[in-house]
Amino acid sequence: MSSWLDLVKKSYLIRSLHRWFDSSVPLEPSLEGEKPGRRLRLPGKNYLVVHLACLGVLWVGWSLTAVLVATGLYSVRMFAITGFYHRYFSHRTFETSRFWQFCLAVLGNSSSQRGPLWWASHHRHHHKVADTEADVHSPSRHGFWWSHIGWLTDPANLYTRWEYVKDWAKFQELVWLNRYDKVVPILLGVTLYGVGELLAHTSPHLGTNGPQLVIWGFFISTVALFHGTCTINSLSHVFGSRRYNTPDTSRNNPVLALITLGEGWHNNHHHYAISARQGFFWWEVDITYYLLVALSWLGIIRNLRPVPEHIRSPQAMQGSASKSQGPPPDQARG
C-alpha cells in the first residue's frame, strides 16, 4: 500500500514540476482569453520571490568579481532584450539565419523575461493599441505601477498572443523555447553557481563563491534588468520630449536611453518602428544599434533596416504619425 502511495506522490510531484516549467499550462483553465483585469495571484508571487532573493546579499556579501559579473550580465542581457526580443522578434528590423535566430532567442530568454514569442506578441499588440484602454501597460490609462509591473502579475497576460506571431510560430525550436521559458534562466543560475565554486577553489583571492555569484549575477542583475526594461512601458510614456506627433504618449528620454542601451528614444520608435536604429540622429546614443552593426560586420546578422531621410525630416516632425509599425503578423516574411 505504501509503495502505491509513494508512486502517487512521485507522480503528483512530477506533474506539478512539469506544470511549473511548462508556461503553456494555464494556472486556472478559465483565464485563457479572459479580459485582463487587476488580479494579483501566483505570477505576482513569483516576481516577489525573485525580488526578495536579492536580500541574500546580506548573507553572501559582495566582491568586485560579483559586481562585475552582475554588471556584465545586465549589459549583455539588456542588449539581448533590446536588440533581439524587441528589434528582431517584435519588429523584424534585420535578418539572420535560423541557427543564429535560435541563439539570439536563447540569449534573450536568459533575461528571465519570458519566451521570445510571448514577448513579441505582447509588444506587437502594444503598438497596435498604444495608449488605449486595450493597452495593458499604458500609464496614461492604468497608472504608473500597473504599467510598470502590475500587468505582469495578472494571469490573463501570461498567455502568448499567437495571432500576432504567426510568422514565428512555424519555428518549432522557438515554440519549444517559448513554452519552457524557465529552462535557460535556471541553467544560467546553475552555471553561475558552478563558476563561483570553481573560482573559490582556484582563485580565492577574487573573494567570490557560488552563492555570491548566483545572488549578484542572477538575482540582482535580473531585477535591475527587469526594471530597466519596464521603464520603457512606464516612464518613457510620461517623461521626455516629443519630436514626432504620434497618436500615443511616447517620449524621447536620453537617461532611459542610456539605461536601456537605446530604447529611451521611444517617440522615435513609435514614429517609425521598423528601423534597426532608434536614435535617429548622431547625438542620440543608441548602443544597441552600434552592437547590431558590429554583428552585421561579423556576418551574424544582415540587412539592418535604416531610417529613411523623409521619416526623420522636419516635415515628418510636424506631420502625423507614421503607420509603419511593422509587417502584419499574418503577412510577415518567414
C-alpha atoms as a PDB file:
ATOM      1  CA  MET A   1       0.000   0.000   0.000  1.00  0.00           C
ATOM      2  CA  SER A   2       2.807   2.401   0.909  1.00  0.00           C
ATOM      3  CA  SER A   3       4.520   1.733  -2.431  1.00  0.00           C
ATOM      4  CA  TRP A   4       1.366   2.821  -4.260  1.00  0.00           C
ATOM      5  CA  LEU A   5       1.179   5.964  -2.137  1.00  0.00           C
ATOM      6  CA  ASP A   6       4.830   6.723  -2.891  1.00  0.00           C
ATOM      7  CA  LEU A   7       4.144   6.265  -6.605  1.00  0.00           C
ATOM      8  CA  VAL A   8       1.156   8.606  -6.448  1.00  0.00           C
ATOM      9  CA  LYS A   9       3.201  11.212  -4.587  1.00  0.00           C
ATOM     10  CA  LYS A  10       6.037  10.969  -7.102  1.00  0.00           C
ATOM     11  CA  SER A  11       3.588  11.207  -9.988  1.00  0.00           C
ATOM     12  CA  TYR A  12       1.977  14.289  -8.443  1.00  0.00           C
ATOM     13  CA  LEU A  13       5.397  15.868  -7.873  1.00  0.00           C
ATOM     14  CA  ILE A  14       6.415  15.240 -11.492  1.00  0.00           C
ATOM     15  CA  ARG A  15       3.147  16.694 -12.813  1.00  0.00           C
ATOM     16  CA  SER A  16       3.480  19.737 -10.561  1.00  0.00           C
ATOM     17  CA  LEU A  17       7.079  20.277 -11.643  1.00  0.00           C
ATOM     18  CA  HIS A  18       6.089  19.978 -15.296  1.00  0.00           C
ATOM     19  CA  ARG A  19       3.256  22.475 -14.828  1.00  0.00           C
ATOM     20  CA  TRP A  20       5.751  24.910 -13.325  1.00  0.00           C
ATOM     21  CA  PHE A  21       8.176  24.520 -16.231  1.00  0.00           C
ATOM     22  CA  ASP A  22       5.507  24.473 -18.950  1.00  0.00           C
ATOM     23  CA  SER A  23       4.226  28.014 -19.491  1.00  0.00           C
ATOM     24  CA  SER A  24       1.502  26.758 -21.839  1.00  0.00           C
ATOM     25  CA  VAL A  25      -0.342  25.063 -18.965  1.00  0.00           C
ATOM     26  CA  PRO A  26      -2.923  27.514 -17.569  1.00  0.00           C
ATOM     27  CA  LEU A  27      -2.837  28.179 -13.854  1.00  0.00           C
ATOM     28  CA  GLU A  28      -6.610  28.421 -13.975  1.00  0.00           C
ATOM     29  CA  PRO A  29      -8.380  26.940 -17.039  1.00  0.00           C
ATOM     30  CA  SER A  30     -10.908  29.777 -17.195  1.00  0.00           C
ATOM     31  CA  LEU A  31      -8.302  32.523 -17.562  1.00  0.00           C
ATOM     32  CA  GLU A  32      -7.099  31.988 -21.130  1.00  0.00           C
ATOM     33  CA  GLY A  33      -8.762  34.559 -23.335  1.00  0.00           C
ATOM     34  CA  GLU A  34     -10.236  36.361 -20.334  1.00  0.00           C
ATOM     35  CA  LYS A  35     -10.127  40.155 -20.406  1.00  0.00           C
ATOM     36  CA  PRO A  36      -7.140  41.354 -18.361  1.00  0.00           C
ATOM     37  CA  GLY A  37      -8.007  42.856 -15.004  1.00  0.00           C
ATOM     38  CA  ARG A  38      -6.247  43.725 -11.783  1.00  0.00           C
ATOM     39  CA  ARG A  39      -5.646  40.347 -10.144  1.00  0.00           C
ATOM     40  CA  LEU A  40      -2.510  39.599  -8.145  1.00  0.00           C
ATOM     41  CA  ARG A  41      -2.092  35.846  -7.975  1.00  0.00           C
ATOM     42  CA  LEU A  42       0.695  33.283  -8.383  1.00  0.00           C
ATOM     43  CA  PRO A  43       2.683  35.137 -11.093  1.00  0.00           C
ATOM     44  CA  GLY A  44       2.903  38.179  -8.820  1.00  0.00           C
ATOM     45  CA  LYS A  45       4.257  35.958  -6.058  1.00  0.00           C
ATOM     46  CA  ASN A  46       6.955  34.626  -8.395  1.00  0.00           C
ATOM     47  CA  TYR A  47       8.141  38.175  -9.117  1.00  0.00           C
ATOM     48  CA  LEU A  48       8.110  38.852  -5.383  1.00  0.00           C
ATOM     49  CA  VAL A  49      10.311  35.821  -4.698  1.00  0.00           C
ATOM     50  CA  VAL A  50      12.908  36.954  -7.255  1.00  0.00           C
ATOM     51  CA  HIS A  51      12.998  40.411  -5.674  1.00  0.00           C
ATOM     52  CA  LEU A  52      13.228  39.046  -2.126  1.00  0.00           C
ATOM     53  CA  ALA A  53      16.086  36.757  -3.169  1.00  0.00           C
ATOM     54  CA  CYS A  54      18.209  39.878  -3.638  1.00  0.00           C
ATOM     55  CA  LEU A  55      18.239  40.188   0.155  1.00  0.00           C
ATOM     56  CA  GLY A  56      20.565  37.196   0.060  1.00  0.00           C
ATOM     57  CA  VAL A  57      23.317  39.766  -0.404  1.00  0.00           C
ATOM     58  CA  LEU A  58      23.175  40.227   3.375  1.00  0.00           C
ATOM     59  CA  TRP A  59      24.330  36.626   3.675  1.00  0.00           C
ATOM     60  CA  VAL A  60      26.790  36.281   0.753  1.00  0.00           C
ATOM     61  CA  GLY A  61      28.311  39.763   0.904  1.00  0.00           C
ATOM     62  CA  TRP A  62      29.936  41.302  -2.146  1.00  0.00           C
ATOM     63  CA  SER A  63      33.154  41.268  -4.116  1.00  0.00           C
ATOM     64  CA  LEU A  64      34.443  43.198  -7.116  1.00  0.00           C
ATOM     65  CA  THR A  65      34.188  39.985  -9.112  1.00  0.00           C
ATOM     66  CA  ALA A  66      30.497  39.531  -8.264  1.00  0.00           C
ATOM     67  CA  VAL A  67      29.669  43.168  -9.062  1.00  0.00           C
ATOM     68  CA  LEU A  68      31.475  42.955 -12.409  1.00  0.00           C
ATOM     69  CA  VAL A  69      29.661  39.720 -13.273  1.00  0.00           C
ATOM     70  CA  ALA A  70      26.319  41.321 -12.386  1.00  0.00           C
ATOM     71  CA  THR A  71      27.112  44.410 -14.463  1.00  0.00           C
ATOM     72  CA  GLY A  72      28.288  42.340 -17.403  1.00  0.00           C
ATOM     73  CA  LEU A  73      25.210  40.111 -17.369  1.00  0.00           C
ATOM     74  CA  TYR A  74      22.951  43.167 -17.090  1.00  0.00           C
ATOM     75  CA  SER A  75      24.596  44.710 -20.166  1.00  0.00           C
ATOM     76  CA  VAL A  76      24.653  41.556 -22.285  1.00  0.00           C
ATOM     77  CA  ARG A  77      21.075  40.600 -21.463  1.00  0.00           C
ATOM     78  CA  MET A  78      19.780  44.151 -21.902  1.00  0.00           C
ATOM     79  CA  PHE A  79      21.296  44.076 -25.385  1.00  0.00           C
ATOM     80  CA  ALA A  80      19.602  40.723 -25.961  1.00  0.00           C
ATOM     81  CA  ILE A  81      16.227  42.174 -24.977  1.00  0.00           C
ATOM     82  CA  THR A  82      16.569  45.405 -26.938  1.00  0.00           C
ATOM     83  CA  GLY A  83      18.357  44.012 -29.965  1.00  0.00           C
ATOM     84  CA  PHE A  84      16.750  40.599 -30.326  1.00  0.00           C
ATOM     85  CA  TYR A  85      13.459  40.342 -28.422  1.00  0.00           C
ATOM     86  CA  HIS A  86      12.464  43.866 -29.428  1.00  0.00           C
ATOM     87  CA  ARG A  87      14.107  44.904 -32.688  1.00  0.00           C
ATOM     88  CA  TYR A  88      14.240  41.429 -34.239  1.00  0.00           C
ATOM     89  CA  PHE A  89      11.391  39.283 -32.925  1.00  0.00           C
ATOM     90  CA  SER A  90       8.931  42.137 -32.423  1.00  0.00           C
ATOM     91  CA  HIS A  91       9.742  44.320 -35.447  1.00  0.00           C
ATOM     92  CA  ARG A  92      11.980  42.263 -37.787  1.00  0.00           C
ATOM     93  CA  THR A  93      14.367  45.160 -38.317  1.00  0.00           C
ATOM     94  CA  PHE A  94      17.133  42.885 -39.632  1.00  0.00           C
ATOM     95  CA  GLU A  95      17.622  39.334 -40.887  1.00  0.00           C
ATOM     96  CA  THR A  96      19.651  36.346 -39.741  1.00  0.00           C
ATOM     97  CA  SER A  97      19.919  32.590 -40.262  1.00  0.00           C
ATOM     98  CA  ARG A  98      17.738  30.077 -38.476  1.00  0.00           C
ATOM     99  CA  PHE A  99      20.700  28.902 -36.382  1.00  0.00           C
ATOM    100  CA  TRP A 100      21.582  32.389 -35.180  1.00  0.00           C
ATOM    101  CA  GLN A 101      17.906  33.187 -34.735  1.00  0.00           C
ATOM    102  CA  PHE A 102      17.650  30.450 -32.119  1.00  0.00           C
ATOM    103  CA  CYS A 103      20.903  31.515 -30.463  1.00  0.00           C
ATOM    104  CA  LEU A 104      19.622  35.086 -30.200  1.00  0.00           C
ATOM    105  CA  ALA A 105      16.353  33.806 -28.722  1.00  0.00           C
ATOM    106  CA  VAL A 106      18.223  31.753 -26.097  1.00  0.00           C
ATOM    107  CA  LEU A 107      20.310  34.760 -25.109  1.00  0.00           C
ATOM    108  CA  GLY A 108      17.162  36.866 -24.789  1.00  0.00           C
ATOM    109  CA  ASN A 109      15.464  34.145 -22.764  1.00  0.00           C
ATOM    110  CA  SER A 110      18.333  34.217 -20.242  1.00  0.00           C
ATOM    111  CA  SER A 111      16.964  37.599 -19.127  1.00  0.00           C
ATOM    112  CA  SER A 112      14.023  35.839 -17.402  1.00  0.00           C
ATOM    113  CA  GLN A 113      11.521  37.967 -19.331  1.00  0.00           C
ATOM    114  CA  ARG A 114       9.545  35.002 -20.666  1.00  0.00           C
ATOM    115  CA  GLY A 115       9.810  33.466 -24.120  1.00  0.00           C
ATOM    116  CA  PRO A 116      10.542  35.322 -27.382  1.00  0.00           C
ATOM    117  CA  LEU A 117       7.100  34.713 -28.884  1.00  0.00           C
ATOM    118  CA  TRP A 118       5.293  35.821 -25.727  1.00  0.00           C
ATOM    119  CA  TRP A 119       7.419  38.969 -25.595  1.00  0.00           C
ATOM    120  CA  ALA A 120       6.983  39.794 -29.290  1.00  0.00           C
ATOM    121  CA  SER A 121       3.252  39.095 -29.310  1.00  0.00           C
ATOM    122  CA  HIS A 122       2.531  41.424 -26.417  1.00  0.00           C
ATOM    123  CA  HIS A 123       4.771  44.132 -27.846  1.00  0.00           C
ATOM    124  CA  ARG A 124       3.098  43.954 -31.253  1.00  0.00           C
ATOM    125  CA  HIS A 125      -0.235  44.227 -29.509  1.00  0.00           C
ATOM    126  CA  HIS A 126       1.058  47.294 -27.661  1.00  0.00           C
ATOM    127  CA  HIS A 127       1.910  49.035 -30.938  1.00  0.00           C
ATOM    128  CA  LYS A 128      -1.497  48.235 -32.350  1.00  0.00           C
ATOM    129  CA  VAL A 129      -3.423  49.673 -29.383  1.00  0.00           C
ATOM    130  CA  ALA A 130      -0.857  52.021 -27.791  1.00  0.00           C
ATOM    131  CA  ASP A 131      -2.319  54.171 -25.014  1.00  0.00           C
ATOM    132  CA  THR A 132      -5.883  52.981 -25.469  1.00  0.00           C
ATOM    133  CA  GLU A 133      -7.879  51.035 -22.891  1.00  0.00           C
ATOM    134  CA  ALA A 134      -6.761  47.820 -24.598  1.00  0.00           C
ATOM    135  CA  ASP A 135      -3.099  48.647 -23.940  1.00  0.00           C
ATOM    136  CA  VAL A 136      -2.439  46.725 -20.720  1.00  0.00           C
ATOM    137  CA  HIS A 137       0.685  48.712 -19.816  1.00  0.00           C
ATOM    138  CA  SER A 138      -0.313  52.267 -20.657  1.00  0.00           C
ATOM    139  CA  PRO A 139       0.473  54.639 -17.746  1.00  0.00           C
ATOM    140  CA  SER A 140      -1.994  57.225 -19.060  1.00  0.00           C
ATOM    141  CA  ARG A 141      -4.795  54.663 -18.898  1.00  0.00           C
ATOM    142  CA  HIS A 142      -3.883  52.421 -15.986  1.00  0.00           C
ATOM    143  CA  GLY A 143      -1.385  54.345 -13.850  1.00  0.00           C
ATOM    144  CA  PHE A 144       2.357  54.104 -13.314  1.00  0.00           C
ATOM    145  CA  TRP A 145       2.643  50.973 -11.159  1.00  0.00           C
ATOM    146  CA  TRP A 146       0.263  48.902 -13.247  1.00  0.00           C
ATOM    147  CA  SER A 147       2.044  49.891 -16.469  1.00  0.00           C
ATOM    148  CA  HIS A 148       5.443  49.214 -14.903  1.00  0.00           C
ATOM    149  CA  ILE A 149       4.898  45.822 -13.280  1.00  0.00           C
ATOM    150  CA  GLY A 150       1.275  45.252 -12.300  1.00  0.00           C
ATOM    151  CA  TRP A 151       0.133  43.983 -15.690  1.00  0.00           C
ATOM    152  CA  LEU A 152       2.683  41.168 -15.475  1.00  0.00           C
ATOM    153  CA  THR A 153       1.096  39.853 -12.286  1.00  0.00           C
ATOM    154  CA  ASP A 154      -2.270  39.330 -13.983  1.00  0.00           C
ATOM    155  CA  PRO A 155      -2.613  35.676 -15.107  1.00  0.00           C
ATOM    156  CA  ALA A 156      -4.687  36.789 -18.102  1.00  0.00           C
ATOM    157  CA  ASN A 157      -1.480  38.321 -19.529  1.00  0.00           C
ATOM    158  CA  LEU A 158       0.544  35.117 -19.180  1.00  0.00           C
ATOM    159  CA  TYR A 159      -0.567  33.721 -22.493  1.00  0.00           C
ATOM    160  CA  THR A 160       1.166  34.237 -25.814  1.00  0.00           C
ATOM    161  CA  ARG A 161      -0.999  36.176 -28.270  1.00  0.00           C
ATOM    162  CA  TRP A 162      -0.464  33.702 -31.095  1.00  0.00           C
ATOM    163  CA  GLU A 163      -2.422  35.729 -33.619  1.00  0.00           C
ATOM    164  CA  TYR A 164       0.399  38.305 -33.536  1.00  0.00           C
ATOM    165  CA  VAL A 165       3.305  35.887 -34.046  1.00  0.00           C
ATOM    166  CA  LYS A 166       2.157  33.581 -36.838  1.00  0.00           C
ATOM    167  CA  ASP A 167       5.432  34.322 -38.618  1.00  0.00           C
ATOM    168  CA  TRP A 168       7.468  32.870 -35.723  1.00  0.00           C
ATOM    169  CA  ALA A 169       5.125  30.025 -34.730  1.00  0.00           C
ATOM    170  CA  LYS A 170       6.335  27.888 -37.632  1.00  0.00           C
ATOM    171  CA  PHE A 171       9.755  27.503 -35.996  1.00  0.00           C
ATOM    172  CA  GLN A 172       9.320  24.617 -33.570  1.00  0.00           C
ATOM    173  CA  GLU A 173      12.526  25.373 -31.675  1.00  0.00           C
ATOM    174  CA  LEU A 174      11.192  28.858 -30.894  1.00  0.00           C
ATOM    175  CA  VAL A 175       7.837  27.419 -29.839  1.00  0.00           C
ATOM    176  CA  TRP A 176       9.627  24.976 -27.511  1.00  0.00           C
ATOM    177  CA  LEU A 177      11.785  27.722 -26.006  1.00  0.00           C
ATOM    178  CA  ASN A 178       8.709  29.895 -25.567  1.00  0.00           C
ATOM    179  CA  ARG A 179       6.873  27.042 -23.848  1.00  0.00           C
ATOM    180  CA  TYR A 180       9.699  26.064 -21.490  1.00  0.00           C
ATOM    181  CA  ASP A 181      10.937  29.588 -20.815  1.00  0.00           C
ATOM    182  CA  LYS A 182      12.330  28.759 -17.360  1.00  0.00           C
ATOM    183  CA  VAL A 183      14.946  26.282 -18.604  1.00  0.00           C
ATOM    184  CA  VAL A 184      17.547  28.783 -19.819  1.00  0.00           C
ATOM    185  CA  PRO A 185      17.368  31.068 -16.728  1.00  0.00           C
ATOM    186  CA  ILE A 186      17.761  28.031 -14.465  1.00  0.00           C
ATOM    187  CA  LEU A 187      20.773  26.845 -16.474  1.00  0.00           C
ATOM    188  CA  LEU A 188      22.259  30.326 -16.131  1.00  0.00           C
ATOM    189  CA  GLY A 189      21.825  30.178 -12.355  1.00  0.00           C
ATOM    190  CA  VAL A 190      23.387  26.703 -12.159  1.00  0.00           C
ATOM    191  CA  THR A 191      26.300  27.842 -14.331  1.00  0.00           C
ATOM    192  CA  LEU A 192      26.914  30.866 -12.128  1.00  0.00           C
ATOM    193  CA  TYR A 193      26.955  28.655  -9.049  1.00  0.00           C
ATOM    194  CA  GLY A 194      29.418  26.259 -10.660  1.00  0.00           C
ATOM    195  CA  VAL A 195      31.724  29.044 -11.858  1.00  0.00           C
ATOM    196  CA  GLY A 196      31.604  30.694  -8.443  1.00  0.00           C
ATOM    197  CA  GLU A 197      32.572  27.483  -6.650  1.00  0.00           C
ATOM    198  CA  LEU A 198      35.359  26.867  -9.172  1.00  0.00           C
ATOM    199  CA  LEU A 199      36.746  30.358  -8.593  1.00  0.00           C
ATOM    200  CA  ALA A 200      36.504  29.883  -4.826  1.00  0.00           C
ATOM    201  CA  HIS A 201      38.881  26.917  -5.131  1.00  0.00           C
ATOM    202  CA  THR A 202      41.177  28.040  -7.944  1.00  0.00           C
ATOM    203  CA  SER A 203      41.273  31.817  -7.362  1.00  0.00           C
ATOM    204  CA  PRO A 204      40.385  32.510  -3.720  1.00  0.00           C
ATOM    205  CA  HIS A 205      41.916  35.997  -3.984  1.00  0.00           C
ATOM    206  CA  LEU A 206      38.848  37.032  -6.048  1.00  0.00           C
ATOM    207  CA  GLY A 207      36.765  36.670  -2.894  1.00  0.00           C
ATOM    208  CA  THR A 208      33.747  35.067  -4.508  1.00  0.00           C
ATOM    209  CA  ASN A 209      31.904  31.736  -4.461  1.00  0.00           C
ATOM    210  CA  GLY A 210      28.845  30.010  -5.908  1.00  0.00           C
ATOM    211  CA  PRO A 211      26.097  31.530  -3.742  1.00  0.00           C
ATOM    212  CA  GLN A 212      27.547  35.021  -4.166  1.00  0.00           C
ATOM    213  CA  LEU A 213      27.627  34.809  -7.956  1.00  0.00           C
ATOM    214  CA  VAL A 214      24.063  33.481  -8.007  1.00  0.00           C
ATOM    215  CA  ILE A 215      22.777  36.369  -5.857  1.00  0.00           C
ATOM    216  CA  TRP A 216      24.678  39.069  -7.743  1.00  0.00           C
ATOM    217  CA  GLY A 217      24.955  37.587 -11.224  1.00  0.00           C
ATOM    218  CA  PHE A 218      21.435  36.230 -11.420  1.00  0.00           C
ATOM    219  CA  PHE A 219      19.018  37.770  -8.914  1.00  0.00           C
ATOM    220  CA  ILE A 220      20.341  41.326  -8.523  1.00  0.00           C
ATOM    221  CA  SER A 221      21.269  41.621 -12.188  1.00  0.00           C
ATOM    222  CA  THR A 222      17.917  40.185 -13.306  1.00  0.00           C
ATOM    223  CA  VAL A 223      15.876  42.509 -11.084  1.00  0.00           C
ATOM    224  CA  ALA A 224      17.837  45.553 -12.316  1.00  0.00           C
ATOM    225  CA  LEU A 225      17.369  44.364 -15.898  1.00  0.00           C
ATOM    226  CA  PHE A 226      13.662  43.823 -15.359  1.00  0.00           C
ATOM    227  CA  HIS A 227      13.023  47.305 -14.002  1.00  0.00           C
ATOM    228  CA  GLY A 228      15.261  48.878 -16.636  1.00  0.00           C
ATOM    229  CA  THR A 229      13.182  47.247 -19.355  1.00  0.00           C
ATOM    230  CA  CYS A 230       9.890  48.168 -17.698  1.00  0.00           C
ATOM    231  CA  THR A 231      10.768  51.874 -17.580  1.00  0.00           C
ATOM    232  CA  ILE A 232      10.064  51.985 -21.310  1.00  0.00           C
ATOM    233  CA  ASN A 233       6.458  50.955 -20.660  1.00  0.00           C
ATOM    234  CA  SER A 234       6.005  53.397 -17.809  1.00  0.00           C
ATOM    235  CA  LEU A 235       8.467  56.318 -17.722  1.00  0.00           C
ATOM    236  CA  SER A 236       9.005  56.627 -21.496  1.00  0.00           C
ATOM    237  CA  HIS A 237       5.313  57.409 -21.872  1.00  0.00           C
ATOM    238  CA  VAL A 238       5.434  60.093 -19.152  1.00  0.00           C
ATOM    239  CA  PHE A 239       8.808  61.891 -19.053  1.00  0.00           C
ATOM    240  CA  GLY A 240      10.752  63.278 -22.005  1.00  0.00           C
ATOM    241  CA  SER A 241      10.305  65.211 -25.236  1.00  0.00           C
ATOM    242  CA  ARG A 242       8.064  64.551 -28.227  1.00  0.00           C
ATOM    243  CA  ARG A 243       9.708  65.213 -31.588  1.00  0.00           C
ATOM    244  CA  TYR A 244       7.000  63.463 -33.614  1.00  0.00           C
ATOM    245  CA  ASN A 245       3.242  63.853 -33.413  1.00  0.00           C
ATOM    246  CA  THR A 246       2.439  60.204 -32.771  1.00  0.00           C
ATOM    247  CA  PRO A 247      -1.090  59.201 -31.663  1.00  0.00           C
ATOM    248  CA  ASP A 248       0.257  57.879 -28.347  1.00  0.00           C
ATOM    249  CA  THR A 249       2.146  59.390 -25.406  1.00  0.00           C
ATOM    250  CA  SER A 250       5.622  58.063 -26.312  1.00  0.00           C
ATOM    251  CA  ARG A 251       8.570  60.322 -25.446  1.00  0.00           C
ATOM    252  CA  ASN A 252      12.305  60.515 -26.037  1.00  0.00           C
ATOM    253  CA  ASN A 253      14.312  60.266 -22.824  1.00  0.00           C
ATOM    254  CA  PRO A 254      18.148  60.306 -23.035  1.00  0.00           C
ATOM    255  CA  VAL A 255      18.598  58.981 -19.480  1.00  0.00           C
ATOM    256  CA  LEU A 256      16.427  55.949 -20.175  1.00  0.00           C
ATOM    257  CA  ALA A 257      18.243  55.524 -23.493  1.00  0.00           C
ATOM    258  CA  LEU A 258      21.497  55.021 -21.576  1.00  0.00           C
ATOM    259  CA  ILE A 259      19.921  52.658 -19.030  1.00  0.00           C
ATOM    260  CA  THR A 260      18.339  50.524 -21.771  1.00  0.00           C
ATOM    261  CA  LEU A 261      21.099  50.841 -24.410  1.00  0.00           C
ATOM    262  CA  GLY A 262      18.956  52.888 -26.775  1.00  0.00           C
ATOM    263  CA  GLU A 263      15.315  52.104 -26.052  1.00  0.00           C
ATOM    264  CA  GLY A 264      14.714  55.508 -24.472  1.00  0.00           C
ATOM    265  CA  TRP A 265      14.317  57.124 -27.899  1.00  0.00           C
ATOM    266  CA  HIS A 266      10.753  55.905 -27.653  1.00  0.00           C
ATOM    267  CA  ASN A 267       8.973  58.651 -29.559  1.00  0.00           C
ATOM    268  CA  ASN A 268      11.318  57.996 -32.478  1.00  0.00           C
ATOM    269  CA  HIS A 269      10.458  54.326 -32.238  1.00  0.00           C
ATOM    270  CA  HIS A 270       6.696  54.840 -32.212  1.00  0.00           C
ATOM    271  CA  HIS A 271       7.063  57.161 -35.176  1.00  0.00           C
ATOM    272  CA  TYR A 272       8.932  54.545 -37.247  1.00  0.00           C
ATOM    273  CA  ALA A 273       9.140  51.188 -35.502  1.00  0.00           C
ATOM    274  CA  ILE A 274      10.683  49.063 -38.256  1.00  0.00           C
ATOM    275  CA  SER A 275      14.117  50.698 -38.197  1.00  0.00           C
ATOM    276  CA  ALA A 276      17.007  48.878 -36.522  1.00  0.00           C
ATOM    277  CA  ARG A 277      18.083  52.276 -35.214  1.00  0.00           C
ATOM    278  CA  GLN A 278      16.073  54.133 -32.575  1.00  0.00           C
ATOM    279  CA  GLY A 279      18.465  57.040 -32.059  1.00  0.00           C
ATOM    280  CA  PHE A 280      17.631  58.756 -35.345  1.00  0.00           C
ATOM    281  CA  PHE A 281      20.383  61.401 -35.129  1.00  0.00           C
ATOM    282  CA  TRP A 282      24.104  61.077 -34.406  1.00  0.00           C
ATOM    283  CA  TRP A 283      23.792  62.709 -30.984  1.00  0.00           C
ATOM    284  CA  GLU A 284      21.130  60.224 -29.863  1.00  0.00           C
ATOM    285  CA  VAL A 285      23.226  57.465 -28.325  1.00  0.00           C
ATOM    286  CA  ASP A 286      21.877  54.047 -29.324  1.00  0.00           C
ATOM    287  CA  ILE A 287      24.315  51.411 -28.058  1.00  0.00           C
ATOM    288  CA  THR A 288      22.114  48.527 -29.205  1.00  0.00           C
ATOM    289  CA  TYR A 289      22.287  49.796 -32.786  1.00  0.00           C
ATOM    290  CA  TYR A 290      26.092  50.087 -32.645  1.00  0.00           C
ATOM    291  CA  LEU A 291      26.328  46.494 -31.419  1.00  0.00           C
ATOM    292  CA  LEU A 292      23.932  45.299 -34.132  1.00  0.00           C
ATOM    293  CA  VAL A 293      26.169  46.953 -36.730  1.00  0.00           C
ATOM    294  CA  ALA A 294      29.139  45.079 -35.235  1.00  0.00           C
ATOM    295  CA  LEU A 295      27.238  41.787 -35.516  1.00  0.00           C
ATOM    296  CA  SER A 296      26.498  42.591 -39.159  1.00  0.00           C
ATOM    297  CA  TRP A 297      30.226  43.069 -39.778  1.00  0.00           C
ATOM    298  CA  LEU A 298      30.765  39.582 -38.313  1.00  0.00           C
ATOM    299  CA  GLY A 299      28.123  38.142 -40.646  1.00  0.00           C
ATOM    300  CA  ILE A 300      25.829  37.025 -37.816  1.00  0.00           C
ATOM    301  CA  ILE A 301      23.003  39.348 -38.914  1.00  0.00           C
ATOM    302  CA  ARG A 302      22.335  41.230 -42.155  1.00  0.00           C
ATOM    303  CA  ASN A 303      20.143  43.817 -43.874  1.00  0.00           C
ATOM    304  CA  LEU A 304      19.610  46.221 -40.982  1.00  0.00           C
ATOM    305  CA  ARG A 305      16.725  48.490 -41.879  1.00  0.00           C
ATOM    306  CA  PRO A 306      17.762  52.169 -41.912  1.00  0.00           C
ATOM    307  CA  VAL A 307      15.787  55.292 -41.038  1.00  0.00           C
ATOM    308  CA  PRO A 308      14.684  56.851 -44.353  1.00  0.00           C
ATOM    309  CA  GLU A 309      15.548  60.540 -44.628  1.00  0.00           C
ATOM    310  CA  HIS A 310      11.936  61.560 -45.183  1.00  0.00           C
ATOM    311  CA  ILE A 311      10.951  59.823 -41.936  1.00  0.00           C
ATOM    312  CA  ARG A 312      13.186  61.982 -39.749  1.00  0.00           C
ATOM    313  CA  SER A 313      12.828  65.199 -41.769  1.00  0.00           C
ATOM    314  CA  PRO A 314      11.456  68.456 -40.292  1.00  0.00           C
ATOM    315  CA  GLN A 315       8.241  67.835 -42.223  1.00  0.00           C
ATOM    316  CA  ALA A 316       7.852  64.462 -40.518  1.00  0.00           C
ATOM    317  CA  MET A 317       8.363  66.114 -37.137  1.00  0.00           C
ATOM    318  CA  GLN A 318       5.308  68.266 -37.702  1.00  0.00           C
ATOM    319  CA  GLY A 319       3.212  65.697 -39.536  1.00  0.00           C
ATOM    320  CA  SER A 320       1.004  62.883 -38.369  1.00  0.00           C
ATOM    321  CA  ALA A 321       2.336  59.625 -37.010  1.00  0.00           C
ATOM    322  CA  SER A 322       3.816  57.053 -39.321  1.00  0.00           C
ATOM    323  CA  LYS A 323       1.770  53.885 -39.611  1.00  0.00           C
ATOM    324  CA  SER A 324       4.824  51.743 -40.407  1.00  0.00           C
ATOM    325  CA  GLN A 325       4.915  49.716 -37.220  1.00  0.00           C
ATOM    326  CA  GLY A 326       5.996  46.541 -38.994  1.00  0.00           C
ATOM    327  CA  PRO A 327       4.504  43.882 -41.225  1.00  0.00           C
ATOM    328  CA  PRO A 328       1.110  42.465 -40.249  1.00  0.00           C
ATOM    329  CA  PRO A 329       1.671  39.241 -38.284  1.00  0.00           C
ATOM    330  CA  ASP A 330      -0.012  37.141 -40.977  1.00  0.00           C
ATOM    331  CA  GLN A 331       2.000  38.741 -43.791  1.00  0.00           C
ATOM    332  CA  ALA A 332       5.461  38.930 -42.260  1.00  0.00           C
ATOM    333  CA  ARG A 333       8.325  37.238 -44.024  1.00  0.00           C
ATOM    334  CA  GLY A 334       9.409  33.793 -42.894  1.00  0.00           C
END
